[in-house]
């Protein structure tokens, strides 16, 4: 589910213009189009990194690295929405996505890896 959420979000940010995204994501008006696309590409790539290595049994270390990247993106997003935009609802949404990403990261890197 985590990969699906980030893949969908990443595709939208990478393919739609800021004008098309701004009704749903008002924060895009505060950053450049290149930043929005970069975030979208990072989210989509990380979503692939959550699924493909384990599914194909190739370079499985990429799965926890992808989860680490998503955790970092969500922490940065929470800081952006707090410091720059004062949007507590967006911070809560980022926290909801941060928790499973951190669990995957901990579950693969932690002392009791699954």
Protein backbone atom coordinates (compact mmCIF):
# COMPACT_ATOMS: atom_id res chain seq x y z
CA UNK A 1 0.00 0.00 0.00
CA UNK A 2 2.86 2.35 0.80
CA UNK A 3 4.39 1.81 -2.64
CA UNK A 4 1.03 2.36 -4.35
CA UNK A 5 0.46 5.64 -2.48
CA UNK A 6 3.90 7.00 -3.36
CA UNK A 7 3.79 5.73 -6.95
CA UNK A 8 0.45 7.45 -7.57
CA UNK A 9 1.61 10.65 -5.89
CA UNK A 10 4.90 10.58 -7.77
CA UNK A 11 3.27 10.08 -11.16
CA UNK A 12 0.91 13.00 -10.56
CA UNK A 13 3.71 15.34 -9.48
CA UNK A 14 5.99 14.26 -12.31
CA UNK A 15 3.42 14.51 -15.11
CA UNK A 16 1.01 17.33 -14.26
CA UNK A 17 1.70 21.05 -14.35
CA UNK A 18 1.73 23.18 -11.22
CA UNK A 19 -1.52 24.77 -12.34
CA UNK A 20 -3.20 21.37 -12.57
CA UNK A 21 -1.84 20.30 -9.18
CA UNK A 22 -2.52 23.48 -7.21
CA UNK A 23 -6.23 22.82 -6.47
CA UNK A 24 -5.29 19.54 -4.74
CA UNK A 25 -1.81 20.50 -3.57
CA UNK A 26 -1.68 24.23 -2.79
CA UNK A 27 1.95 24.02 -1.70
CA UNK A 28 3.14 23.61 -5.31
CA UNK A 29 2.68 27.34 -5.83
CA UNK A 30 5.51 27.94 -3.32
CA UNK A 31 8.14 25.91 -5.19
CA UNK A 32 9.39 25.73 -8.74
CA UNK A 33 8.02 23.28 -11.28
CA UNK A 34 11.41 21.55 -11.32
CA UNK A 35 11.20 20.89 -7.57
CA UNK A 36 7.70 19.44 -7.91
CA UNK A 37 8.91 17.15 -10.72
CA UNK A 38 11.98 16.14 -8.72
CA UNK A 39 9.83 15.23 -5.72
CA UNK A 40 7.51 13.25 -7.99
CA UNK A 41 10.39 11.35 -9.57
CA UNK A 42 11.92 10.62 -6.16
CA UNK A 43 8.60 9.31 -4.83
CA UNK A 44 7.96 7.15 -7.88
CA UNK A 45 11.50 5.76 -7.92
CA UNK A 46 11.31 4.97 -4.21
CA UNK A 47 7.96 3.22 -4.72
CA UNK A 48 9.61 1.01 -7.34
CA UNK A 49 12.47 0.46 -4.92
CA UNK A 50 10.08 -0.81 -2.28
CA UNK A 51 8.62 -3.50 -4.54
CA UNK A 52 10.94 -4.54 -7.36
CA UNK A 53 14.08 -5.67 -5.48
CA UNK A 54 12.14 -8.07 -3.27
CA UNK A 55 9.87 -9.21 -6.09
CA UNK A 56 12.77 -9.93 -8.43
CA UNK A 57 15.20 -10.99 -5.67
CA UNK A 58 17.83 -8.65 -7.09
CA UNK A 59 19.74 -6.09 -5.00
CA UNK A 60 17.37 -6.45 -2.06
CA UNK A 61 19.33 -3.81 -0.13
CA UNK A 62 17.51 -1.25 -2.30
CA UNK A 63 14.23 -1.85 -0.45
CA UNK A 64 15.37 -0.43 2.92
CA UNK A 65 17.25 2.32 1.10
CA UNK A 66 14.04 3.29 -0.70
CA UNK A 67 12.18 3.29 2.62
CA UNK A 68 14.94 5.47 4.10
CA UNK A 69 14.57 7.90 1.20
CA UNK A 70 10.80 8.08 1.66
CA UNK A 71 11.28 8.64 5.39
CA UNK A 72 13.62 11.52 4.62
CA UNK A 73 11.19 12.99 2.08
CA UNK A 74 8.36 12.88 4.64
CA UNK A 75 10.49 14.50 7.35
CA UNK A 76 11.46 17.27 4.94
CA UNK A 77 7.84 17.66 3.84
CA UNK A 78 6.73 17.98 7.47
CA UNK A 79 9.33 20.70 8.01
CA UNK A 80 8.24 22.51 4.85
CA UNK A 81 4.55 22.41 5.77
CA UNK A 82 5.29 23.58 9.32
CA UNK A 83 7.94 26.24 8.80
CA UNK A 84 6.88 27.70 5.50
CA UNK A 85 3.16 27.05 5.11
CA UNK A 86 1.78 26.56 8.66
CA UNK A 87 -0.40 23.62 7.53
CA UNK A 88 -1.02 21.22 10.42
CA UNK A 89 -3.32 18.98 8.35
CA UNK A 90 -0.56 18.43 5.80
CA UNK A 91 1.89 17.65 8.58
CA UNK A 92 -0.49 14.99 9.90
CA UNK A 93 -0.83 13.45 6.42
CA UNK A 94 2.95 13.37 6.04
CA UNK A 95 3.24 11.71 9.44
CA UNK A 96 0.74 9.05 8.37
CA UNK A 97 2.98 8.24 5.39
CA UNK A 98 6.16 8.56 7.46
CA UNK A 99 5.19 5.84 9.94
CA UNK A 100 4.93 2.89 7.51
CA UNK A 101 8.04 4.06 5.64
CA UNK A 102 9.96 4.13 8.93
CA UNK A 103 8.57 0.70 9.85
CA UNK A 104 9.79 -0.78 6.55
CA UNK A 105 13.15 0.92 7.04
CA UNK A 106 13.47 -0.39 10.61
CA UNK A 107 12.17 -3.82 9.64
CA UNK A 108 14.87 -4.22 7.00
CA UNK A 109 17.78 -2.44 8.73
CA UNK A 110 16.87 -2.90 12.39
CA UNK A 111 18.13 -5.47 14.88
CA UNK A 112 15.12 -7.71 14.27
CA UNK A 113 14.88 -7.47 10.49
CA UNK A 114 12.00 -9.29 8.89
